[in-house]
Amino acid sequence: MGSMRLRVALASAVVALAAPATASADRYVALGDSFSSGVGTGSYTLSSSCRRSVYAYPSLLAQQRPNTSLAFVACSGATTGDVLATQVQAVTPDTNIVTMTVGGNDIGFADLIVQCTLGSCSTALDNTRASLRTVLAPRLDGAYTTVRSRALGASVVVLGYPRIFSSASCFGTLGISATERAKANELADALDQLTAERAAAAGLRYVSSVAAFTGHAVCAGGAWLNGLNLFSTVESYHPNRSGHSLGYLPLVRAAVG
């Protein structure tokens, strides 16, 4: 009987060694503002208040990436302060992937573009760009270092904002002059550069979206960004479904695998 039990135990041990280990799901936390929540895609079934969409790049990444568990906390209108106050708690020590877009609301970028449609915004754009570093750099530093400290082993990817406009005009740029469009893009470029700098300083990976969205701005034949939408103004000047699936998603996939 003793030898029989020994053979059974040895056989069980061999089976256990031969069995493949069950891999735990990668925990993915999507932080940030409307460019991450999916404003502009026209469907917000995941959260109507935060306008989280199944067509936003975090949802698409989780759907397409095997064995990935998504904690989707990005919210329309979020600032760096909101990320720290209500979102960063989702980043836990077992988090593997974090993505975010943040900073645009801290400088009122969306409000500036709306101002352009209603009247002159040239001076406001100049002033915002001039004060960008003073206003935004310390806020980005606070958000980035906190995220990094909460998940030291995670792959943290900061995504940038695209240029909204090209040199072309159409109904989608109603009320916005060529000069204002150029200055809005200059502000986007400055924001891109500052975000890249502060993300690097915090040890995070920055992925610019400027090049990827070039040729797909408002008024382009294959636009990835919505122009002015008089029937649903919140959709205006945000990535549409193609902007997420063809613009942001490939950038994130390349960064996290």
Protein backbone atom coordinates (compact mmCIF):
# COMPACT_ATOMS: atom_id res chain seq x y z
CA MET A 1 0.00 0.00 0.00
CA GLY A 2 2.87 2.35 0.81
CA SER A 3 4.48 1.84 -2.60
CA MET A 4 1.13 2.35 -4.30
CA ARG A 5 0.63 5.66 -2.50
CA LEU A 6 4.16 6.70 -3.46
CA ARG A 7 3.52 5.95 -7.15
CA VAL A 8 0.26 7.92 -7.08
CA ALA A 9 1.98 10.86 -5.39
CA LEU A 10 4.80 10.82 -7.93
CA ALA A 11 2.34 10.64 -10.82
CA SER A 12 0.38 13.59 -9.42
CA ALA A 13 3.57 15.58 -9.05
CA VAL A 14 4.52 14.90 -12.68
CA VAL A 15 1.08 16.00 -13.88
CA ALA A 16 1.29 19.17 -11.78
CA LEU A 17 4.69 20.01 -13.22
CA ALA A 18 3.51 19.38 -16.77
CA ALA A 19 0.36 21.51 -16.44
CA PRO A 20 0.73 25.04 -17.84
CA ALA A 21 0.57 27.87 -15.33
CA THR A 22 -2.56 29.99 -15.49
CA ALA A 23 -1.56 33.53 -16.35
CA SER A 24 -3.34 36.27 -14.45
CA ALA A 25 -4.97 39.02 -16.49
CA ASP A 26 -3.06 42.24 -17.05
CA ARG A 27 -4.69 45.00 -15.04
CA TYR A 28 -5.12 48.07 -17.25
CA VAL A 29 -6.18 51.42 -15.80
CA ALA A 30 -7.32 54.19 -18.16
CA LEU A 31 -7.06 57.63 -16.59
CA GLY A 32 -7.65 61.11 -17.92
CA ASP A 33 -10.07 63.41 -19.67
CA SER A 34 -12.48 63.43 -22.61
CA PHE A 35 -9.80 62.40 -25.12
CA SER A 36 -9.51 59.13 -23.21
CA SER A 37 -13.14 58.69 -22.14
CA GLY A 38 -14.32 58.84 -25.74
CA VAL A 39 -16.13 62.16 -26.13
CA GLY A 40 -16.71 62.61 -29.84
CA THR A 41 -17.69 59.00 -30.54
CA GLY A 42 -21.40 59.64 -30.00
CA SER A 43 -22.09 56.68 -27.68
CA TYR A 44 -21.60 56.73 -23.91
CA THR A 45 -23.13 53.51 -22.64
CA LEU A 46 -20.31 52.89 -20.12
CA SER A 47 -21.00 56.17 -18.30
CA SER A 48 -23.29 58.95 -19.39
CA SER A 49 -21.96 61.38 -16.78
CA CYS A 50 -18.29 60.86 -17.68
CA ARG A 51 -19.08 60.09 -21.32
CA ARG A 52 -17.15 56.83 -21.41
CA SER A 53 -17.50 54.99 -24.68
CA VAL A 54 -17.01 51.44 -25.91
CA TYR A 55 -15.52 53.12 -29.00
CA ALA A 56 -12.78 54.89 -27.00
CA TYR A 57 -9.25 53.56 -27.29
CA PRO A 58 -9.15 52.09 -23.72
CA SER A 59 -12.18 49.90 -24.45
CA LEU A 60 -10.80 48.92 -27.85
CA LEU A 61 -7.43 48.01 -26.36
CA ALA A 62 -9.00 45.84 -23.67
CA GLN A 63 -11.20 44.12 -26.26
CA GLN A 64 -8.36 43.41 -28.67
CA ARG A 65 -5.56 42.65 -26.22
CA PRO A 66 -5.75 39.08 -24.84
CA ASN A 67 -6.21 38.58 -21.11
CA THR A 68 -6.59 42.26 -20.21
CA SER A 69 -8.83 43.55 -17.40
CA LEU A 70 -9.84 47.20 -17.78
CA ALA A 71 -10.50 49.72 -15.02
CA PHE A 72 -11.89 52.61 -17.10
CA VAL A 73 -12.02 55.76 -14.95
CA ALA A 74 -11.24 58.52 -17.48
CA CYS A 75 -13.92 61.21 -17.36
CA SER A 76 -14.97 64.08 -19.57
CA GLY A 77 -13.79 67.41 -18.19
CA ALA A 78 -11.15 65.94 -15.90
CA THR A 79 -8.19 68.07 -14.88
CA THR A 80 -4.93 66.97 -13.26
CA GLY A 81 -6.61 67.74 -9.93
CA ASP A 82 -9.49 65.40 -10.77
CA VAL A 83 -7.07 62.64 -11.72
CA LEU A 84 -5.43 62.97 -8.30
CA ALA A 85 -8.70 63.34 -6.37
CA THR A 86 -10.94 60.73 -7.96
CA GLN A 87 -9.09 58.59 -10.49
CA VAL A 88 -5.61 57.66 -9.29
CA GLN A 89 -6.98 55.37 -6.57
CA ALA A 90 -7.72 52.88 -9.35
CA VAL A 91 -3.97 52.49 -9.88
CA THR A 92 -2.96 49.69 -7.51
CA PRO A 93 0.36 47.88 -6.99
CA ASP A 94 -0.80 45.01 -9.22
CA THR A 95 -1.54 47.35 -12.15
CA ASN A 96 0.35 46.42 -15.31
CA ILE A 97 -0.69 49.18 -17.74
CA VAL A 98 -1.77 52.79 -17.27
CA THR A 99 -2.73 55.25 -20.01
CA MET A 100 -3.82 58.86 -19.75
CA THR A 101 -4.47 62.14 -21.51
CA VAL A 102 -4.58 65.12 -19.18
CA GLY A 103 -3.72 68.81 -19.12
CA GLY A 104 -6.03 70.24 -21.76
CA ASN A 105 -8.74 71.13 -19.27
CA ASP A 106 -6.24 72.72 -16.89
CA ILE A 107 -5.58 75.40 -19.51
CA GLY A 108 -9.19 75.55 -20.74
CA PHE A 109 -8.30 74.44 -24.24
CA ALA A 110 -11.83 73.37 -25.19
CA ASP A 111 -13.28 76.64 -23.88
CA LEU A 112 -10.75 78.56 -25.94
CA ILE A 113 -11.85 76.85 -29.16
CA VAL A 114 -15.50 77.54 -28.35
CA GLN A 115 -14.54 81.17 -27.79
CA CYS A 116 -13.02 81.17 -31.27
CA THR A 117 -16.36 80.17 -32.80
CA LEU A 118 -18.19 82.95 -30.98
CA GLY A 119 -15.71 85.79 -31.42
CA SER A 120 -12.02 86.61 -31.43
CA CYS A 121 -9.73 84.25 -29.52
CA SER A 122 -6.36 85.25 -30.93
CA THR A 123 -5.16 87.13 -27.84
CA ALA A 124 -6.45 84.44 -25.49
CA LEU A 125 -4.55 81.77 -27.42
CA ASP A 126 -1.36 83.84 -27.27
CA ASN A 127 -1.72 84.43 -23.54
CA THR A 128 -2.42 80.78 -22.80
CA ARG A 129 0.65 79.66 -24.73
CA ALA A 130 2.82 82.26 -22.97
CA SER A 131 1.76 81.07 -19.52
CA LEU A 132 1.60 77.36 -20.38
CA ARG A 133 4.75 76.25 -18.58
CA THR A 134 4.09 78.26 -15.43
CA VAL A 135 0.50 77.04 -15.12
CA LEU A 136 0.72 73.45 -16.29
CA ALA A 137 4.20 72.06 -15.61
CA PRO A 138 3.81 71.70 -11.82
CA ARG A 139 0.35 70.20 -12.22
CA LEU A 140 1.60 67.58 -14.67
CA ASP A 141 4.52 66.81 -12.38
CA GLY A 142 2.15 66.17 -9.49
CA ALA A 143 -0.11 63.87 -11.48
CA TYR A 144 2.69 61.95 -13.18
CA THR A 145 4.81 61.32 -10.10
CA THR A 146 1.78 60.17 -8.12
CA VAL A 147 0.73 57.69 -10.81
CA ARG A 148 4.27 56.35 -11.04
CA SER A 149 4.58 55.96 -7.26
CA ARG A 150 1.39 53.91 -7.07
CA ALA A 151 2.47 51.31 -9.65
CA LEU A 152 6.24 51.15 -9.87
CA GLY A 153 6.21 48.12 -12.14
CA ALA A 154 3.50 49.29 -14.54
CA SER A 155 3.94 50.46 -18.09
CA VAL A 156 2.63 54.03 -17.91
CA VAL A 157 1.85 55.70 -21.24
CA VAL A 158 0.99 59.38 -21.50
CA LEU A 159 -0.77 60.22 -24.75
CA GLY A 160 -0.72 63.67 -26.30
CA TYR A 161 -3.36 65.76 -28.00
CA PRO A 162 -3.41 66.18 -31.79
CA ARG A 163 -3.58 69.40 -33.75
CA ILE A 164 -7.28 70.07 -34.25
CA PHE A 165 -7.01 72.08 -37.45
CA SER A 166 -5.31 72.03 -40.82
CA SER A 167 -4.99 74.96 -43.21
CA ALA A 168 -8.36 74.06 -44.72
CA SER A 169 -11.68 75.61 -43.70
CA CYS A 170 -15.18 74.19 -43.86
CA PHE A 171 -18.44 74.31 -41.90
CA GLY A 172 -16.61 72.51 -39.08
CA THR A 173 -14.39 75.56 -38.57
CA LEU A 174 -17.28 78.04 -38.67
CA GLY A 175 -16.29 81.33 -37.05
CA ILE A 176 -12.60 80.40 -36.67
CA SER A 177 -10.19 82.42 -38.81
CA ALA A 178 -7.06 81.06 -40.47
CA THR A 179 -4.95 82.97 -37.94
CA GLU A 180 -6.89 81.50 -35.02
CA ARG A 181 -6.58 77.99 -36.43
CA ALA A 182 -2.82 78.44 -36.78
CA LYS A 183 -2.51 79.78 -33.23
CA ALA A 184 -4.61 76.91 -31.85
CA ASN A 185 -2.21 74.48 -33.51
CA GLU A 186 0.76 76.38 -32.08
CA LEU A 187 -0.75 75.96 -28.63
CA ALA A 188 -1.26 72.24 -29.31
CA ASP A 189 2.41 71.95 -30.33
CA ALA A 190 3.55 73.73 -27.16
CA LEU A 191 1.34 71.46 -25.06
CA ASP A 192 2.78 68.44 -26.88
CA GLN A 193 6.36 69.52 -26.12
CA LEU A 194 5.72 70.37 -22.47
CA THR A 195 3.85 67.12 -21.84
CA ALA A 196 6.66 65.10 -23.40
CA GLU A 197 9.21 66.86 -21.20
CA ARG A 198 7.34 66.44 -17.92
CA ALA A 199 6.40 62.81 -18.64
CA ALA A 200 10.06 61.99 -19.30
CA ALA A 201 11.07 63.75 -16.08
CA ALA A 202 8.68 61.49 -14.15
CA GLY A 203 9.97 58.36 -15.86
CA LEU A 204 6.84 57.83 -17.95
CA ARG A 205 6.57 57.05 -21.64
CA TYR A 206 5.15 59.81 -23.79
CA VAL A 207 3.49 59.11 -27.13
CA SER A 208 2.70 62.13 -29.29
CA SER A 209 -0.38 61.94 -31.48
CA VAL A 210 0.50 64.94 -33.68
CA ALA A 211 2.12 62.97 -36.51
CA ALA A 212 -0.50 60.19 -36.47
CA PHE A 213 -3.39 62.66 -36.82
CA THR A 214 -1.70 64.80 -39.49
CA GLY A 215 -3.87 64.67 -42.60
CA HIS A 216 -6.93 63.76 -40.52
CA ALA A 217 -7.72 67.10 -38.87
CA VAL A 218 -11.08 68.89 -38.99
CA CYS A 219 -12.16 69.43 -42.62
CA ALA A 220 -9.99 66.59 -43.97
CA GLY A 221 -11.58 64.07 -46.30
CA GLY A 222 -10.92 61.29 -43.79
CA ALA A 223 -11.19 63.41 -40.65
CA TRP A 224 -10.45 61.71 -37.33
CA LEU A 225 -11.55 64.81 -35.44
CA ASN A 226 -15.02 66.34 -35.27
CA GLY A 227 -15.51 69.93 -36.28
CA LEU A 228 -18.18 72.18 -34.85
CA ASN A 229 -21.37 70.23 -34.15
CA LEU A 230 -24.24 72.65 -33.56
CA PHE A 231 -26.62 69.84 -32.61
CA SER A 232 -24.31 68.35 -29.97
CA THR A 233 -21.62 70.87 -29.11
CA VAL A 234 -19.88 68.54 -26.66
CA GLU A 235 -18.88 66.34 -29.61
CA SER A 236 -17.06 69.23 -31.25
CA TYR A 237 -13.27 69.22 -31.65
CA HIS A 238 -12.79 65.72 -30.26
CA PRO A 239 -11.63 62.47 -31.90
CA ASN A 240 -14.41 60.54 -33.60
CA ARG A 241 -14.57 56.75 -33.71
CA SER A 242 -11.90 56.60 -36.42
CA GLY A 243 -9.73 58.89 -34.33
CA HIS A 244 -9.77 56.29 -31.58
CA SER A 245 -9.58 53.11 -33.65
CA LEU A 246 -7.16 54.34 -36.33
CA GLY A 247 -5.42 57.15 -34.44
CA TYR A 248 -4.96 56.47 -30.74
CA LEU A 249 -5.37 52.69 -30.60
CA PRO A 250 -2.36 51.81 -32.81
CA LEU A 251 -0.21 54.22 -30.80
CA VAL A 252 -1.15 52.52 -27.54
CA ARG A 253 -0.77 49.02 -28.97
CA ALA A 254 2.73 49.87 -30.16
CA ALA A 255 3.61 51.19 -26.71
CA VAL A 256 2.23 48.37 -24.53
CA GLY A 257 2.13 45.39 -26.88
